Structure formats: structure tokens, C-alpha cells
Protein backbone atom coordinates (compact mmCIF):
# COMPACT_ATOMS: atom_id res chain seq x y z
CA MET A 1 -14.41 -0.64 8.27
CA VAL A 2 -14.10 -3.52 6.21
CA LYS A 3 -12.01 -5.75 6.56
CA ILE A 4 -10.67 -7.46 3.24
CA ALA A 5 -8.46 -9.67 4.33
CA HIS A 6 -5.40 -11.19 7.88
CA THR A 7 -3.16 -13.19 6.56
CA PRO A 8 1.23 -13.17 7.92
CA PHE A 9 2.56 -10.70 5.77
CA TYR A 10 -0.55 -8.51 5.65
CA GLN A 11 -3.72 -7.11 6.89
CA ILE A 12 -6.20 -4.46 4.44
CA LYS A 13 -9.08 -2.86 5.29
CA VAL A 14 -10.85 -0.40 3.57
CA ASP A 15 -12.48 3.28 5.19
CA GLN A 16 -15.42 3.97 2.89
CA GLU A 17 -16.43 6.62 4.56
CA LYS A 18 -13.31 8.35 4.47
CA ASN A 19 -11.93 6.54 0.74
CA ARG A 20 -9.16 4.82 1.96
CA ILE A 21 -7.88 1.11 1.81
CA ILE A 22 -5.02 0.94 5.18
CA LEU A 23 -2.14 -1.50 4.37
CA ASN A 24 -0.67 -2.90 7.20
CA ILE A 25 3.09 -5.57 5.37
CA LYS A 26 5.46 -7.09 7.02
CA GLY A 27 7.70 -9.82 6.64
CA CYS A 28 10.08 -11.27 4.17
CA TRP A 29 7.91 -11.59 0.60
CA ASN A 30 10.11 -14.16 -0.84
CA THR A 31 7.91 -15.53 -3.43
CA PRO A 32 4.55 -14.46 -4.98
CA GLU A 33 3.55 -17.73 -4.22
CA GLU A 34 3.14 -16.95 -0.31
CA VAL A 35 1.25 -14.34 -1.11
CA PRO A 36 -1.12 -15.86 -3.65
CA PHE A 37 -4.49 -13.84 -2.89
CA TYR A 38 -2.42 -10.57 -2.48
CA THR A 39 -3.82 -9.00 -5.92
CA ILE A 40 -7.76 -11.02 -5.38
CA HIS A 41 -6.88 -8.93 -1.91
CA LEU A 42 -6.54 -5.58 -3.53
CA LYS A 43 -8.67 -5.91 -6.38
CA GLU A 44 -11.60 -7.01 -3.39
CA ALA A 45 -10.90 -3.55 -1.19
CA LEU A 46 -10.09 -1.33 -5.26
CA ALA A 47 -13.99 -2.15 -5.50
CA LEU A 48 -14.70 -0.41 -2.17
CA VAL A 49 -13.46 2.65 -2.81
CA LYS A 50 -14.49 5.49 -5.26
CA PRO A 51 -11.35 7.29 -8.34
CA GLY A 52 -10.12 10.19 -6.12
CA PHE A 53 -8.94 7.44 -2.71
CA SER A 54 -5.78 7.37 -0.85
CA ILE A 55 -3.46 4.48 0.83
CA LEU A 56 -2.34 5.07 4.18
CA THR A 57 0.55 1.05 4.39
CA ASP A 58 1.91 0.45 7.23
CA LEU A 59 6.27 -0.76 6.63
CA ARG A 60 7.52 -0.57 9.64
CA LYS A 61 7.42 -4.46 9.74
CA LEU A 62 8.64 -5.80 6.42
CA ASP A 63 11.99 -7.50 6.12
CA GLU A 64 12.39 -7.38 2.44
CA TYR A 65 10.87 -8.33 -1.55
CA SER A 66 12.38 -10.34 -3.55
CA PRO A 67 12.56 -9.31 -7.18
CA VAL A 68 9.98 -10.94 -8.72
CA VAL A 69 7.08 -9.99 -5.48
CA ARG A 70 8.52 -6.23 -6.96
CA LEU A 71 7.55 -7.30 -10.03
CA MET A 72 4.15 -8.44 -8.46
CA HIS A 73 3.86 -4.72 -6.38
CA ILE A 74 4.83 -2.87 -9.42
CA GLU A 75 2.22 -4.66 -11.16
CA ALA A 76 -0.87 -3.88 -8.41
CA GLN A 77 0.80 -0.19 -7.66
CA LYS A 78 -0.57 -0.22 -11.73
CA LEU A 79 -3.50 -1.41 -10.58
CA THR A 80 -4.40 0.68 -8.14
CA VAL A 81 -2.94 3.98 -10.04
CA ALA A 82 -5.15 2.90 -13.09
CA ALA A 83 -8.43 2.39 -10.46
CA GLY A 84 -7.42 6.67 -9.46
CA ILE A 85 -5.73 6.64 -6.79
CA TYR A 86 -5.17 9.84 -5.11
CA GLN A 87 -2.40 9.70 -2.75
CA LEU A 88 -0.09 6.95 -1.39
CA ALA A 89 1.94 7.75 2.87
CA GLU A 90 3.99 4.42 2.93
CA VAL A 91 4.94 4.43 6.53
CA HIS A 92 8.37 3.50 6.93
CA ASP A 93 11.55 2.49 9.47
CA LEU A 94 13.88 4.76 7.62
CA LYS A 95 16.16 2.32 9.06
CA LYS A 96 15.83 -0.10 6.42
CA PRO A 97 16.24 -0.37 3.08
CA VAL A 98 13.08 -0.46 1.79
CA ASN A 99 12.24 2.47 1.63
CA LEU A 100 14.85 2.90 -1.50
CA LEU A 101 12.50 -0.11 -2.57
CA SER A 102 9.03 1.68 -2.73
CA VAL A 103 10.58 4.84 -4.20
CA GLY A 104 11.94 2.75 -6.81
CA MET A 105 8.44 0.74 -7.83
CA ALA A 106 6.17 4.14 -7.27
CA GLU A 107 8.00 5.02 -10.48
CA GLU A 108 8.25 2.84 -12.61
CA SER A 109 4.48 2.48 -11.35
CA LYS A 110 3.40 5.92 -11.04
CA ILE A 111 1.82 5.53 -8.11
CA PRO A 112 2.30 9.03 -5.81
CA LEU A 113 4.30 7.95 -3.14
CA ASN A 114 4.78 10.32 0.18
CA ILE A 115 7.28 8.44 3.12
CA PHE A 116 6.71 9.07 6.25
CA ASP A 117 8.36 7.68 9.34
CA SER A 118 4.87 7.90 11.45
CA MET A 119 1.63 6.24 11.63
CA GLN A 120 0.03 9.93 13.21
CA ASP A 121 2.30 12.08 10.60
CA ALA A 122 0.72 10.03 7.63
CA GLN A 123 -2.62 9.87 9.45
CA ALA A 124 -2.59 13.75 9.49
CA TRP A 125 -1.02 14.11 6.18
CA LEU A 126 -3.65 11.67 5.04
CA GLU A 127 -6.43 14.23 6.48
CA GLU A 128 -5.29 18.12 5.00
CA LEU A 129 -5.27 16.51 1.53
CA LYS A 130 -9.05 18.23 0.14
CA PRO A 131 -11.32 15.36 -1.58
CA ARG A 132 -11.13 14.69 -5.26
């Protein structure tokens, strides 16, 4: 496992054996200035995976994205799509409104989003996927 970043707002790791990026996103993201290296860290992670990779994202501790941060995330998702993502499994606290934001951002960026309410279910689903 390669650790790319560990900040108060996110952690990014890469499991090269599984060709997978693991993201843990938390807190309330008000401005891109709070996460100035997020896109750089994402690009570092994308450089370590091959096309056909998957992403496992834990969003259960995310509170909110401001509109300007949503735009940053959509651009990051477009970079991810361009790099050749196969599937994205996001784990949500289904009681939070972030779910609707995720669906809207995914529709705009064309990222293949799948939402789960447990890490175990998301991981099991990703393990069952046929490698690409």
C-alpha cells in the first residue's frame, strides 16, 4: 500500500496489487484553499494505477462541499475518468444529503458511481468485479 496523503480533510492511498485508489474524505470543505494539494495528490495516485482501476471512497464523515469545491471535485472526477477508471464505490452515511451531491457530480463528470452504506459491501462488490 502506497500512502500519498494524510490531511485533516482527506487520506489517499494506492493498492497497486488491486489497481485501486482508496480515499477517505471528511469534514466540511468550504474552499479549495483548505485543500490546496488535493488535485496534485490525486494525480500522484492516478500515476500509480493502470487504466481499468477502481476507487473505494469513504464519505461517511464528510459533512458538506461548498459549490466552488463541488466544481473542483467534478474536475477531479473528469481527470479520473480520463485516466481510465473502471468503477467507483462510495460509502455514504445515507442520512446525509451528500448522497444527492455525489449523484449530481457523477452525472456531470460521467464517473461510474456506485453508492454503498458499508465498507464491507463496497469492498466485496469491488472484489467481485472482473479486472479490466
